[in-house]
Every structure is written in structure tokens, then in C-alpha cells.
PDB file of N, CA and C in Angstrom:
ATOM      1  N   MET A   1      -7.391 128.261  44.261  1.00  0.00           N
ATOM      2  CA  MET A   1      -7.254 128.400  45.389  1.00  0.00           C
ATOM      3  C   MET A   1      -8.119 129.102  46.601  1.00  0.00           C
ATOM      4  N   ASN A   2      -8.199 128.399  47.849  1.00  0.00           N
ATOM      5  CA  ASN A   2      -9.498 129.079  48.338  1.00  0.00           C
ATOM      6  C   ASN A   2      -8.556 129.190  49.857  1.00  0.00           C
ATOM      7  N   LYS A   3      -9.669 130.149  50.771  1.00  0.00           N
ATOM      8  CA  LYS A   3      -9.028 130.986  51.776  1.00  0.00           C
ATOM      9  C   LYS A   3      -8.241 130.070  52.542  1.00  0.00           C
ATOM     10  N   ASN A   4      -8.039 128.508  52.894  1.00  0.00           N
ATOM     11  CA  ASN A   4      -7.902 127.479  53.938  1.00  0.00           C
ATOM     12  C   ASN A   4      -6.577 126.939  52.774  1.00  0.00           C
ATOM     13  N   SER A   5      -6.261 127.334  52.146  1.00  0.00           N
ATOM     14  CA  SER A   5      -4.723 126.819  51.093  1.00  0.00           C
ATOM     15  C   SER A   5      -3.425 127.187  51.526  1.00  0.00           C
ATOM     16  N   TYR A   6      -3.291 128.073  51.939  1.00  0.00           N
ATOM     17  CA  TYR A   6      -2.292 129.141  52.193  1.00  0.00           C
ATOM     18  C   TYR A   6      -1.807 128.214  52.797  1.00  0.00           C
ATOM     19  N   SER A   7      -0.128 127.748  52.919  1.00  0.00           N
ATOM     20  CA  SER A   7       1.058 127.455  53.482  1.00  0.00           C
ATOM     21  C   SER A   7       1.021 128.353  54.680  1.00  0.00           C
ATOM     22  N   GLU A   8       2.189 127.816  55.731  1.00  0.00           N
ATOM     23  CA  GLU A   8       2.503 128.941  56.732  1.00  0.00           C
ATOM     24  C   GLU A   8       3.354 129.599  56.241  1.00  0.00           C
ATOM     25  N   LYS A   9       3.767 129.533  55.452  1.00  0.00           N
ATOM     26  CA  LYS A   9       4.890 130.162  54.982  1.00  0.00           C
ATOM     27  C   LYS A   9       4.232 131.911  53.863  1.00  0.00           C
ATOM     28  N   ASP A  10       2.729 131.385  53.806  1.00  0.00           N
ATOM     29  CA  ASP A  10       2.067 132.496  52.932  1.00  0.00           C
ATOM     30  C   ASP A  10       1.638 133.220  53.895  1.00  0.00           C
ATOM     31  N   SER A  11       1.296 132.733  55.162  1.00  0.00           N
ATOM     32  CA  SER A  11       0.900 133.511  56.497  1.00  0.00           C
ATOM     33  C   SER A  11       1.785 134.527  56.413  1.00  0.00           C
ATOM     34  N   ASP A  12       3.021 134.398  56.143  1.00  0.00           N
ATOM     35  CA  ASP A  12       4.109 135.217  56.553  1.00  0.00           C
ATOM     36  C   ASP A  12       4.639 136.320  55.275  1.00  0.00           C
ATOM     37  N   GLN A  13       3.941 136.372  54.552  1.00  0.00           N
ATOM     38  CA  GLN A  13       4.236 136.870  52.917  1.00  0.00           C
ATOM     39  C   GLN A  13       2.801 138.219  53.609  1.00  0.00           C
ATOM     40  N   THR A  14       3.646 139.385  52.553  1.00  0.00           N
ATOM     41  CA  THR A  14       2.615 140.818  52.691  1.00  0.00           C
ATOM     42  C   THR A  14       1.836 140.272  51.463  1.00  0.00           C
ATOM     43  N   LEU A  15       0.309 141.122  51.098  1.00  0.00           N
ATOM     44  CA  LEU A  15      -0.088 140.784  50.394  1.00  0.00           C
ATOM     45  C   LEU A  15       0.693 141.304  48.728  1.00  0.00           C
ATOM     46  N   GLY A  16       1.471 141.959  48.808  1.00  0.00           N
ATOM     47  CA  GLY A  16       1.926 142.363  47.595  1.00  0.00           C
ATOM     48  C   GLY A  16       3.243 141.218  47.218  1.00  0.00           C
ATOM     49  N   GLU A  17       4.054 140.649  48.220  1.00  0.00           N
ATOM     50  CA  GLU A  17       4.599 139.584  47.817  1.00  0.00           C
ATOM     51  C   GLU A  17       4.008 138.415  47.219  1.00  0.00           C
ATOM     52  N   ARG A  18       2.762 137.915  47.529  1.00  0.00           N
ATOM     53  CA  ARG A  18       2.150 137.340  47.181  1.00  0.00           C
ATOM     54  C   ARG A  18       1.567 137.568  45.963  1.00  0.00           C
ATOM     55  N   LEU A  19       1.182 138.226  45.444  1.00  0.00           N
ATOM     56  CA  LEU A  19       0.601 138.864  44.288  1.00  0.00           C
ATOM     57  C   LEU A  19       2.112 138.737  43.193  1.00  0.00           C
ATOM     58  N   ILE A  20       2.923 138.982  43.471  1.00  0.00           N
ATOM     59  CA  ILE A  20       3.914 138.894  42.857  1.00  0.00           C
ATOM     60  C   ILE A  20       4.439 137.519  42.502  1.00  0.00           C
ATOM     61  N   GLU A  21       4.456 136.763  43.748  1.00  0.00           N
ATOM     62  CA  GLU A  21       4.634 135.259  43.572  1.00  0.00           C
ATOM     63  C   GLU A  21       3.510 134.518  42.597  1.00  0.00           C
ATOM     64  N   SER A  22       2.257 135.142  42.650  1.00  0.00           N
ATOM     65  CA  SER A  22       0.921 134.814  41.404  1.00  0.00           C
ATOM     66  C   SER A  22       1.323 135.494  40.409  1.00  0.00           C
ATOM     67  N   ALA A  23       1.995 135.997  39.533  1.00  0.00           N
ATOM     68  CA  ALA A  23       2.276 136.624  38.597  1.00  0.00           C
ATOM     69  C   ALA A  23       3.734 135.781  38.222  1.00  0.00           C
ATOM     70  N   LYS A  24       4.319 135.635  39.065  1.00  0.00           N
ATOM     71  CA  LYS A  24       5.310 134.593  38.440  1.00  0.00           C
ATOM     72  C   LYS A  24       5.357 133.086  38.055  1.00  0.00           C
ATOM     73  N   GLN A  25       3.572 132.298  38.786  1.00  0.00           N
ATOM     74  CA  GLN A  25       3.117 131.188  39.165  1.00  0.00           C
ATOM     75  C   GLN A  25       2.659 131.498  37.464  1.00  0.00           C
ATOM     76  N   TYR A  26       2.305 132.550  37.278  1.00  0.00           N
ATOM     77  CA  TYR A  26       1.071 133.071  35.903  1.00  0.00           C
ATOM     78  C   TYR A  26       2.604 132.515  34.910  1.00  0.00           C
ATOM     79  N   LYS A  27       2.989 133.589  34.602  1.00  0.00           N
ATOM     80  CA  LYS A  27       3.786 133.722  33.803  1.00  0.00           C
ATOM     81  C   LYS A  27       4.791 132.114  33.228  1.00  0.00           C
ATOM     82  N   ASN A  28       5.070 131.117  34.157  1.00  0.00           N
ATOM     83  CA  ASN A  28       5.343 130.140  34.425  1.00  0.00           C
ATOM     84  C   ASN A  28       4.572 129.116  33.776  1.00  0.00           C
ATOM     85  N   GLY A  29       3.433 129.669  33.363  1.00  0.00           N
ATOM     86  CA  GLY A  29       2.179 128.262  33.381  1.00  0.00           C
ATOM     87  C   GLY A  29       2.000 127.399  34.328  1.00  0.00           C
ATOM     88  N   GLN A  30       1.829 127.887  35.646  1.00  0.00           N
ATOM     89  CA  GLN A  30       1.610 126.833  36.635  1.00  0.00           C
ATOM     90  C   GLN A  30       0.305 127.407  37.256  1.00  0.00           C
ATOM     91  N   VAL A  31      -0.480 127.883  36.742  1.00  0.00           N
ATOM     92  CA  VAL A  31      -1.122 128.684  37.193  1.00  0.00           C
ATOM     93  C   VAL A  31      -2.451 128.390  35.939  1.00  0.00           C
ATOM     94  N   LYS A  32      -3.308 127.908  35.954  1.00  0.00           N
ATOM     95  CA  LYS A  32      -4.466 127.789  34.792  1.00  0.00           C
ATOM     96  C   LYS A  32      -5.350 127.955  34.609  1.00  0.00           C
ATOM     97  N   THR A  33      -5.916 128.123  35.710  1.00  0.00           N
ATOM     98  CA  THR A  33      -7.326 128.395  35.945  1.00  0.00           C
ATOM     99  C   THR A  33      -7.686 129.751  37.050  1.00  0.00           C
ATOM    100  N   VAL A  34      -8.472 130.319  37.078  1.00  0.00           N
ATOM    101  CA  VAL A  34      -9.015 131.164  38.006  1.00  0.00           C
ATOM    102  C   VAL A  34     -10.197 130.941  38.135  1.00  0.00           C
ATOM    103  N   GLU A  35     -10.847 130.497  39.244  1.00  0.00           N
ATOM    104  CA  GLU A  35     -12.273 130.739  39.292  1.00  0.00           C
ATOM    105  C   GLU A  35     -12.867 132.114  39.884  1.00  0.00           C
ATOM    106  N   LEU A  36     -14.339 131.961  39.254  1.00  0.00           N
ATOM    107  CA  LEU A  36     -15.012 132.994  39.069  1.00  0.00           C
ATOM    108  C   LEU A  36     -16.194 132.926  40.458  1.00  0.00           C
ATOM    109  N   ASN A  37     -16.506 133.812  41.242  1.00  0.00           N
ATOM    110  CA  ASN A  37     -17.329 133.507  41.888  1.00  0.00           C
ATOM    111  C   ASN A  37     -18.644 133.659  41.067  1.00  0.00           C
ATOM    112  N   GLN A  38     -19.464 132.405  42.019  1.00  0.00           N
ATOM    113  CA  GLN A  38     -20.499 131.895  40.928  1.00  0.00           C
ATOM    114  C   GLN A  38     -22.078 132.781  40.959  1.00  0.00           C
ATOM    115  N   THR A  39     -21.569 133.357  41.460  1.00  0.00           N
ATOM    116  CA  THR A  39     -22.745 135.080  41.485  1.00  0.00           C
ATOM    117  C   THR A  39     -22.424 135.861  40.350  1.00  0.00           C
ATOM    118  N   ARG A  40     -21.372 136.513  41.053  1.00  0.00           N
ATOM    119  CA  ARG A  40     -20.326 136.919  39.489  1.00  0.00           C
ATOM    120  C   ARG A  40     -20.388 136.793  38.233  1.00  0.00           C
ATOM    121  N   TYR A  41     -20.183 135.339  38.017  1.00  0.00           N
ATOM    122  CA  TYR A  41     -20.306 134.843  36.745  1.00  0.00           C
ATOM    123  C   TYR A  41     -21.587 134.808  36.419  1.00  0.00           C
ATOM    124  N   ALA A  42     -22.575 134.593  36.991  1.00  0.00           N
ATOM    125  CA  ALA A  42     -23.974 134.728  36.389  1.00  0.00           C
ATOM    126  C   ALA A  42     -24.447 135.990  35.925  1.00  0.00           C
ATOM    127  N   ARG A  43     -24.141 137.004  37.003  1.00  0.00           N
ATOM    128  CA  ARG A  43     -24.483 138.619  36.608  1.00  0.00           C
ATOM    129  C   ARG A  43     -23.853 138.783  34.989  1.00  0.00           C
ATOM    130  N   THR A  44     -22.365 138.412  35.417  1.00  0.00           N
ATOM    131  CA  THR A  44     -21.754 138.785  33.899  1.00  0.00           C
ATOM    132  C   THR A  44     -22.065 137.536  32.807  1.00  0.00           C
ATOM    133  N   ARG A  45     -22.860 136.609  32.557  1.00  0.00           N
ATOM    134  CA  ARG A  45     -23.430 136.029  31.695  1.00  0.00           C
ATOM    135  C   ARG A  45     -24.231 136.474  31.413  1.00  0.00           C
ATOM    136  N   LEU A  46     -25.302 137.307  31.826  1.00  0.00           N
ATOM    137  CA  LEU A  46     -26.479 137.718  31.495  1.00  0.00           C
ATOM    138  C   LEU A  46     -26.420 139.612  31.317  1.00  0.00           C
ATOM    139  N   SER A  47     -24.880 139.992  31.422  1.00  0.00           N
ATOM    140  CA  SER A  47     -24.446 141.354  30.983  1.00  0.00           C
ATOM    141  C   SER A  47     -25.072 142.208  31.803  1.00  0.00           C
ATOM    142  N   LEU A  48     -25.859 142.242  32.914  1.00  0.00           N
ATOM    143  CA  LEU A  48     -26.212 143.402  33.757  1.00  0.00           C
ATOM    144  C   LEU A  48     -25.476 143.758  34.952  1.00  0.00           C
ATOM    145  N   SER A  49     -25.881 145.323  35.070  1.00  0.00           N
ATOM    146  CA  SER A  49     -24.805 145.537  36.314  1.00  0.00           C
ATOM    147  C   SER A  49     -25.475 145.221  37.372  1.00  0.00           C
ATOM    148  N   GLN A  50     -24.924 145.660  38.692  1.00  0.00           N
ATOM    149  CA  GLN A  50     -25.022 144.796  40.151  1.00  0.00           C
ATOM    150  C   GLN A  50     -26.699 145.190  40.806  1.00  0.00           C
ATOM    151  N   ALA A  51     -27.148 146.504  40.202  1.00  0.00           N
ATOM    152  CA  ALA A  51     -28.349 147.230  40.504  1.00  0.00           C
ATOM    153  C   ALA A  51     -29.281 146.426  39.878  1.00  0.00           C
ATOM    154  N   GLU A  52     -28.980 146.050  38.906  1.00  0.00           N
ATOM    155  CA  GLU A  52     -30.076 145.379  37.438  1.00  0.00           C
ATOM    156  C   GLU A  52     -30.394 143.350  38.040  1.00  0.00           C
ATOM    157  N   PHE A  53     -29.449 142.969  38.203  1.00  0.00           N
ATOM    158  CA  PHE A  53     -28.980 141.533  38.989  1.00  0.00           C
ATOM    159  C   PHE A  53     -29.831 141.690  40.268  1.00  0.00           C
ATOM    160  N   ALA A  54     -29.485 142.510  41.624  1.00  0.00           N
ATOM    161  CA  ALA A  54     -30.195 142.429  42.434  1.00  0.00           C
ATOM    162  C   ALA A  54     -31.693 142.484  42.450  1.00  0.00           C
ATOM    163  N   ASP A  55     -32.100 143.332  41.620  1.00  0.00           N
ATOM    164  CA  ASP A  55     -33.123 143.953  41.595  1.00  0.00           C
ATOM    165  C   ASP A  55     -34.034 142.477  40.912  1.00  0.00           C
ATOM    166  N   MET A  56     -33.596 141.801  40.058  1.00  0.00           N
ATOM    167  CA  MET A  56     -34.221 141.112  39.077  1.00  0.00           C
ATOM    168  C   MET A  56     -34.173 139.638  40.302  1.00  0.00           C
ATOM    169  N   LEU A  57     -32.971 139.285  41.295  1.00  0.00           N
ATOM    170  CA  LEU A  57     -33.300 138.361  42.267  1.00  0.00           C
ATOM    171  C   LEU A  57     -33.905 138.798  43.609  1.00  0.00           C
ATOM    172  N   GLY A  58     -34.082 139.954  43.417  1.00  0.00           N
ATOM    173  CA  GLY A  58     -35.272 140.615  44.797  1.00  0.00           C
ATOM    174  C   GLY A  58     -34.383 140.908  45.767  1.00  0.00           C
ATOM    175  N   VAL A  59     -33.195 141.192  46.069  1.00  0.00           N
ATOM    176  CA  VAL A  59     -32.298 141.342  46.954  1.00  0.00           C
ATOM    177  C   VAL A  59     -31.663 142.325  46.741  1.00  0.00           C
ATOM    178  N   SER A  60     -31.303 143.350  48.085  1.00  0.00           N
ATOM    179  CA  SER A  60     -30.526 144.694  48.113  1.00  0.00           C
ATOM    180  C   SER A  60     -28.955 144.743  47.077  1.00  0.00           C
ATOM    181  N   ILE A  61     -28.656 145.653  46.407  1.00  0.00           N
ATOM    182  CA  ILE A  61     -27.529 145.685  46.390  1.00  0.00           C
ATOM    183  C   ILE A  61     -26.376 145.300  46.938  1.00  0.00           C
ATOM    184  N   ARG A  62     -26.285 145.541  48.140  1.00  0.00           N
ATOM    185  CA  ARG A  62     -25.913 144.899  49.367  1.00  0.00           C
ATOM    186  C   ARG A  62     -25.487 143.958  49.355  1.00  0.00           C
ATOM    187  N   THR A  63     -26.598 143.105  49.336  1.00  0.00           N
ATOM    188  CA  THR A  63     -26.541 141.554  49.444  1.00  0.00           C
ATOM    189  C   THR A  63     -26.108 141.077  48.649  1.00  0.00           C
ATOM    190  N   LEU A  64     -25.871 141.046  47.244  1.00  0.00           N
ATOM    191  CA  LEU A  64     -25.336 140.722  46.274  1.00  0.00           C
ATOM    192  C   LEU A  64     -23.964 141.356  45.839  1.00  0.00           C
ATOM    193  N   GLN A  65     -23.702 142.709  46.548  1.00  0.00           N
ATOM    194  CA  GLN A  65     -22.117 142.645  46.387  1.00  0.00           C
ATOM    195  C   GLN A  65     -21.654 141.625  47.865  1.00  0.00           C
ATOM    196  N   ASN A  66     -22.111 141.103  48.672  1.00  0.00           N
ATOM    197  CA  ASN A  66     -21.611 140.262  49.565  1.00  0.00           C
ATOM    198  C   ASN A  66     -21.480 139.156  49.170  1.00  0.00           C
ATOM    199  N   TRP A  67     -22.491 138.394  48.416  1.00  0.00           N
ATOM    200  CA  TRP A  67     -22.432 137.549  47.464  1.00  0.00           C
ATOM    201  C   TRP A  67     -21.279 137.097  46.811  1.00  0.00           C
ATOM    202  N   GLU A  68     -20.951 138.368  45.578  1.00  0.00           N
ATOM    203  CA  GLU A  68     -20.030 138.143  44.886  1.00  0.00           C
ATOM    204  C   GLU A  68     -18.383 138.920  45.766  1.00  0.00           C
ATOM    205  N   GLN A  69     -18.695 139.183  46.730  1.00  0.00           N
ATOM    206  CA  GLN A  69     -17.307 139.170  47.481  1.00  0.00           C
ATOM    207  C   GLN A  69     -17.454 138.013  48.403  1.00  0.00           C
ATOM    208  N   ASP A  70     -17.589 137.291  48.107  1.00  0.00           N
ATOM    209  CA  ASP A  70     -17.615 136.012  49.295  1.00  0.00           C
ATOM    210  C   ASP A  70     -17.449 136.143  50.351  1.00  0.00           C
ATOM    211  N   HIS A  71     -18.162 137.435  50.794  1.00  0.00           N
ATOM    212  CA  HIS A  71     -18.644 137.804  52.143  1.00  0.00           C
ATOM    213  C   HIS A  71     -19.840 137.055  53.194  1.00  0.00           C
ATOM    214  N   ARG A  72     -20.716 136.849  52.122  1.00  0.00           N
ATOM    215  CA  ARG A  72     -21.773 135.697  52.462  1.00  0.00           C
ATOM    216  C   ARG A  72     -22.060 135.122  51.730  1.00  0.00           C
ATOM    217  N   LYS A  73     -22.864 133.506  51.756  1.00  0.00           N
ATOM    218  CA  LYS A  73     -23.049 133.184  50.831  1.00  0.00           C
ATOM    219  C   LYS A  73     -24.316 132.908  50.373  1.00  0.00           C
ATOM    220  N   PRO A  74     -24.926 132.989  49.322  1.00  0.00           N
ATOM    221  CA  PRO A  74     -26.344 132.824  49.133  1.00  0.00           C
ATOM    222  C   PRO A  74     -26.916 132.007  49.467  1.00  0.00           C
ATOM    223  N   THR A  75     -28.215 131.936  49.363  1.00  0.00           N
ATOM    224  CA  THR A  75     -29.738 131.097  50.123  1.00  0.00           C
ATOM    225  C   THR A  75     -29.768 130.002  49.372  1.00  0.00           C
ATOM    226  N   ARG A  76     -29.739 129.083  49.773  1.00  0.00           N
ATOM    227  CA  ARG A  76     -30.650 127.866  48.711  1.00  0.00           C
ATOM    228  C   ARG A  76     -30.977 128.082  47.058  1.00  0.00           C
ATOM    229  N   THR A  77     -32.318 128.885  47.591  1.00  0.00           N
ATOM    230  CA  THR A  77     -33.050 129.374  46.666  1.00  0.00           C
ATOM    231  C   THR A  77     -32.290 130.048  45.817  1.00  0.00           C
ATOM    232  N   ALA A  78     -31.226 130.986  46.584  1.00  0.00           N
ATOM    233  CA  ALA A  78     -30.808 131.759  45.427  1.00  0.00           C
ATOM    234  C   ALA A  78     -29.456 131.199  44.570  1.00  0.00           C
ATOM    235  N   GLN A  79     -28.978 130.256  44.926  1.00  0.00           N
ATOM    236  CA  GLN A  79     -28.223 129.519  44.648  1.00  0.00           C
ATOM    237  C   GLN A  79     -28.959 128.473  43.381  1.00  0.00           C
ATOM    238  N   ILE A  80     -30.023 128.403  43.506  1.00  0.00           N
ATOM    239  CA  ILE A  80     -30.521 127.530  42.411  1.00  0.00           C
ATOM    240  C   ILE A  80     -31.130 128.537  41.298  1.00  0.00           C
ATOM    241  N   LEU A  81     -31.285 129.808  41.360  1.00  0.00           N
ATOM    242  CA  LEU A  81     -31.535 130.669  40.829  1.00  0.00           C
ATOM    243  C   LEU A  81     -30.020 131.112  39.809  1.00  0.00           C
ATOM    244  N   LEU A  82     -29.130 131.073  40.616  1.00  0.00           N
ATOM    245  CA  LEU A  82     -28.016 131.213  40.128  1.00  0.00           C
ATOM    246  C   LEU A  82     -27.443 130.401  39.049  1.00  0.00           C
ATOM    247  N   ARG A  83     -27.510 129.368  39.360  1.00  0.00           N
ATOM    248  CA  ARG A  83     -27.512 128.114  38.436  1.00  0.00           C
ATOM    249  C   ARG A  83     -28.004 128.198  37.354  1.00  0.00           C
ATOM    250  N   ILE A  84     -29.107 128.582  37.487  1.00  0.00           N
ATOM    251  CA  ILE A  84     -30.102 128.240  36.196  1.00  0.00           C
ATOM    252  C   ILE A  84     -29.879 129.438  35.499  1.00  0.00           C
ATOM    253  N   ALA A  85     -29.581 130.934  36.223  1.00  0.00           N
ATOM    254  CA  ALA A  85     -28.968 132.072  34.984  1.00  0.00           C
ATOM    255  C   ALA A  85     -27.550 131.895  34.484  1.00  0.00           C
ATOM    256  N   ILE A  86     -26.959 130.702  34.897  1.00  0.00           N
ATOM    257  CA  ILE A  86     -25.519 130.644  34.688  1.00  0.00           C
ATOM    258  C   ILE A  86     -25.828 129.323  33.124  1.00  0.00           C
ATOM    259  N   LYS A  87     -26.699 128.517  33.556  1.00  0.00           N
ATOM    260  CA  LYS A  87     -26.985 127.220  32.399  1.00  0.00           C
ATOM    261  C   LYS A  87     -27.687 127.966  31.459  1.00  0.00           C
ATOM    262  N   HIS A  88     -28.429 128.658  31.588  1.00  0.00           N
ATOM    263  CA  HIS A  88     -29.788 128.985  31.092  1.00  0.00           C
ATOM    264  C   HIS A  88     -30.181 130.492  30.952  1.00  0.00           C
ATOM    265  N   PRO A  89     -29.068 131.386  30.509  1.00  0.00           N
ATOM    266  CA  PRO A  89     -29.524 133.035  30.750  1.00  0.00           C
ATOM    267  C   PRO A  89     -30.384 133.643  30.335  1.00  0.00           C
ATOM    268  N   ASP A  90     -30.768 133.233  28.973  1.00  0.00           N
ATOM    269  CA  ASP A  90     -31.954 133.706  28.144  1.00  0.00           C
ATOM    270  C   ASP A  90     -33.207 133.374  28.264  1.00  0.00           C
ATOM    271  N   MET A  91     -33.272 132.056  29.254  1.00  0.00           N
ATOM    272  CA  MET A  91     -34.396 131.833  29.837  1.00  0.00           C
ATOM    273  C   MET A  91     -34.680 132.196  30.891  1.00  0.00           C
ATOM    274  N   PHE A  92     -33.700 132.559  31.982  1.00  0.00           N
ATOM    275  CA  PHE A  92     -33.312 133.339  33.194  1.00  0.00           C
ATOM    276  C   PHE A  92     -34.183 134.412  33.187  1.00  0.00           C
ATOM    277  N   LYS A  93     -33.477 135.363  31.964  1.00  0.00           N
ATOM    278  CA  LYS A  93     -33.752 137.002  32.087  1.00  0.00           C
ATOM    279  C   LYS A  93     -35.383 136.887  31.317  1.00  0.00           C
ATOM    280  N   ASP A  94     -35.639 136.052  30.502  1.00  0.00           N
ATOM    281  CA  ASP A  94     -37.573 135.771  29.928  1.00  0.00           C
ATOM    282  C   ASP A  94     -38.281 136.280  30.888  1.00  0.00           C
ATOM    283  N   ILE A  95     -37.816 134.775  31.930  1.00  0.00           N
ATOM    284  CA  ILE A  95     -38.903 134.115  32.809  1.00  0.00           C
ATOM    285  C   ILE A  95     -38.898 135.438  33.874  1.00  0.00           C
ATOM    286  N   LEU A  96     -37.577 136.304  34.662  1.00  0.00           N
ATOM    287  CA  LEU A  96     -37.995 136.955  35.027  1.00  0.00           C
ATOM    288  C   LEU A  96     -38.343 138.364  34.645  1.00  0.00           C
ATOM    289  N   ASP A  97     -37.987 138.824  33.684  1.00  0.00           N
ATOM    290  CA  ASP A  97     -38.461 139.859  32.972  1.00  0.00           C
ATOM    291  C   ASP A  97     -39.990 139.843  33.201  1.00  0.00           C
ATOM    292  N   ASP A  98     -40.661 138.488  32.789  1.00  0.00           N
ATOM    293  CA  ASP A  98     -42.135 138.572  32.635  1.00  0.00           C
ATOM    294  C   ASP A  98     -43.155 138.762  34.326  1.00  0.00           C
ATOM    295  N   ALA A  99     -41.968 138.548  34.898  1.00  0.00           N
ATOM    296  CA  ALA A  99     -42.873 138.297  36.440  1.00  0.00           C
ATOM    297  C   ALA A  99     -42.591 140.001  37.155  1.00  0.00           C
ATOM    298  N   ALA A 100     -41.642 140.989  36.257  1.00  0.00           N
ATOM    299  CA  ALA A 100     -41.478 142.322  36.763  1.00  0.00           C
ATOM    300  C   ALA A 100     -42.935 143.039  36.799  1.00  0.00           C
TER     301      ALA A 100
END
């Protein structure tokens, strides 16, 4: 579910009401998947802290946090690195560890 997929009814609900509704939907099997942010997913695939991953990518921790929280979008180059990290985590670590 993205930010723009809420109906008018949802916009009148409090956050707590939406969370309760989501929990009910999950319990009833109506929620099948949960999307994980690409940046966070790449970092967790590599088992790295935010500080370690930010250092590997050459960005500040704050920039990485903004990407993980969907406040900012990674650059095109960073998006490519994230896809490589997801698809080939060992190779990604090897290459970037060698570059350090």
C-alpha cells in the first residue's frame, strides 16, 4: 500500500484506528505481503548497521536513514548499487571491502 492508496474514509481515521484495521485484515488473511523499503532490505541482506552500510555507499547516516524512511529517494547510481547488494550480497561486500 502506498501513500496515495488511502481512500477518503481512511483519511478521517486516526493512526490508531488504521493500525487496528490493518491488524484485523492481517488476522483475516486479507494482507498477503509487506513491502520492505529497498534500501533497508539491501542493508539487512548484508547484515550491516546503518553506519556500516552508509560508509560502504559513501553517504552520511542521515542520508541512508532518509532513504530507508522514504523521505528521500536514492540517486540512480545508488539505486543500482542497492540492486546489486540485494541480488549479489557477497560480491557487493567483497568489492566494496576491497575498495576501502
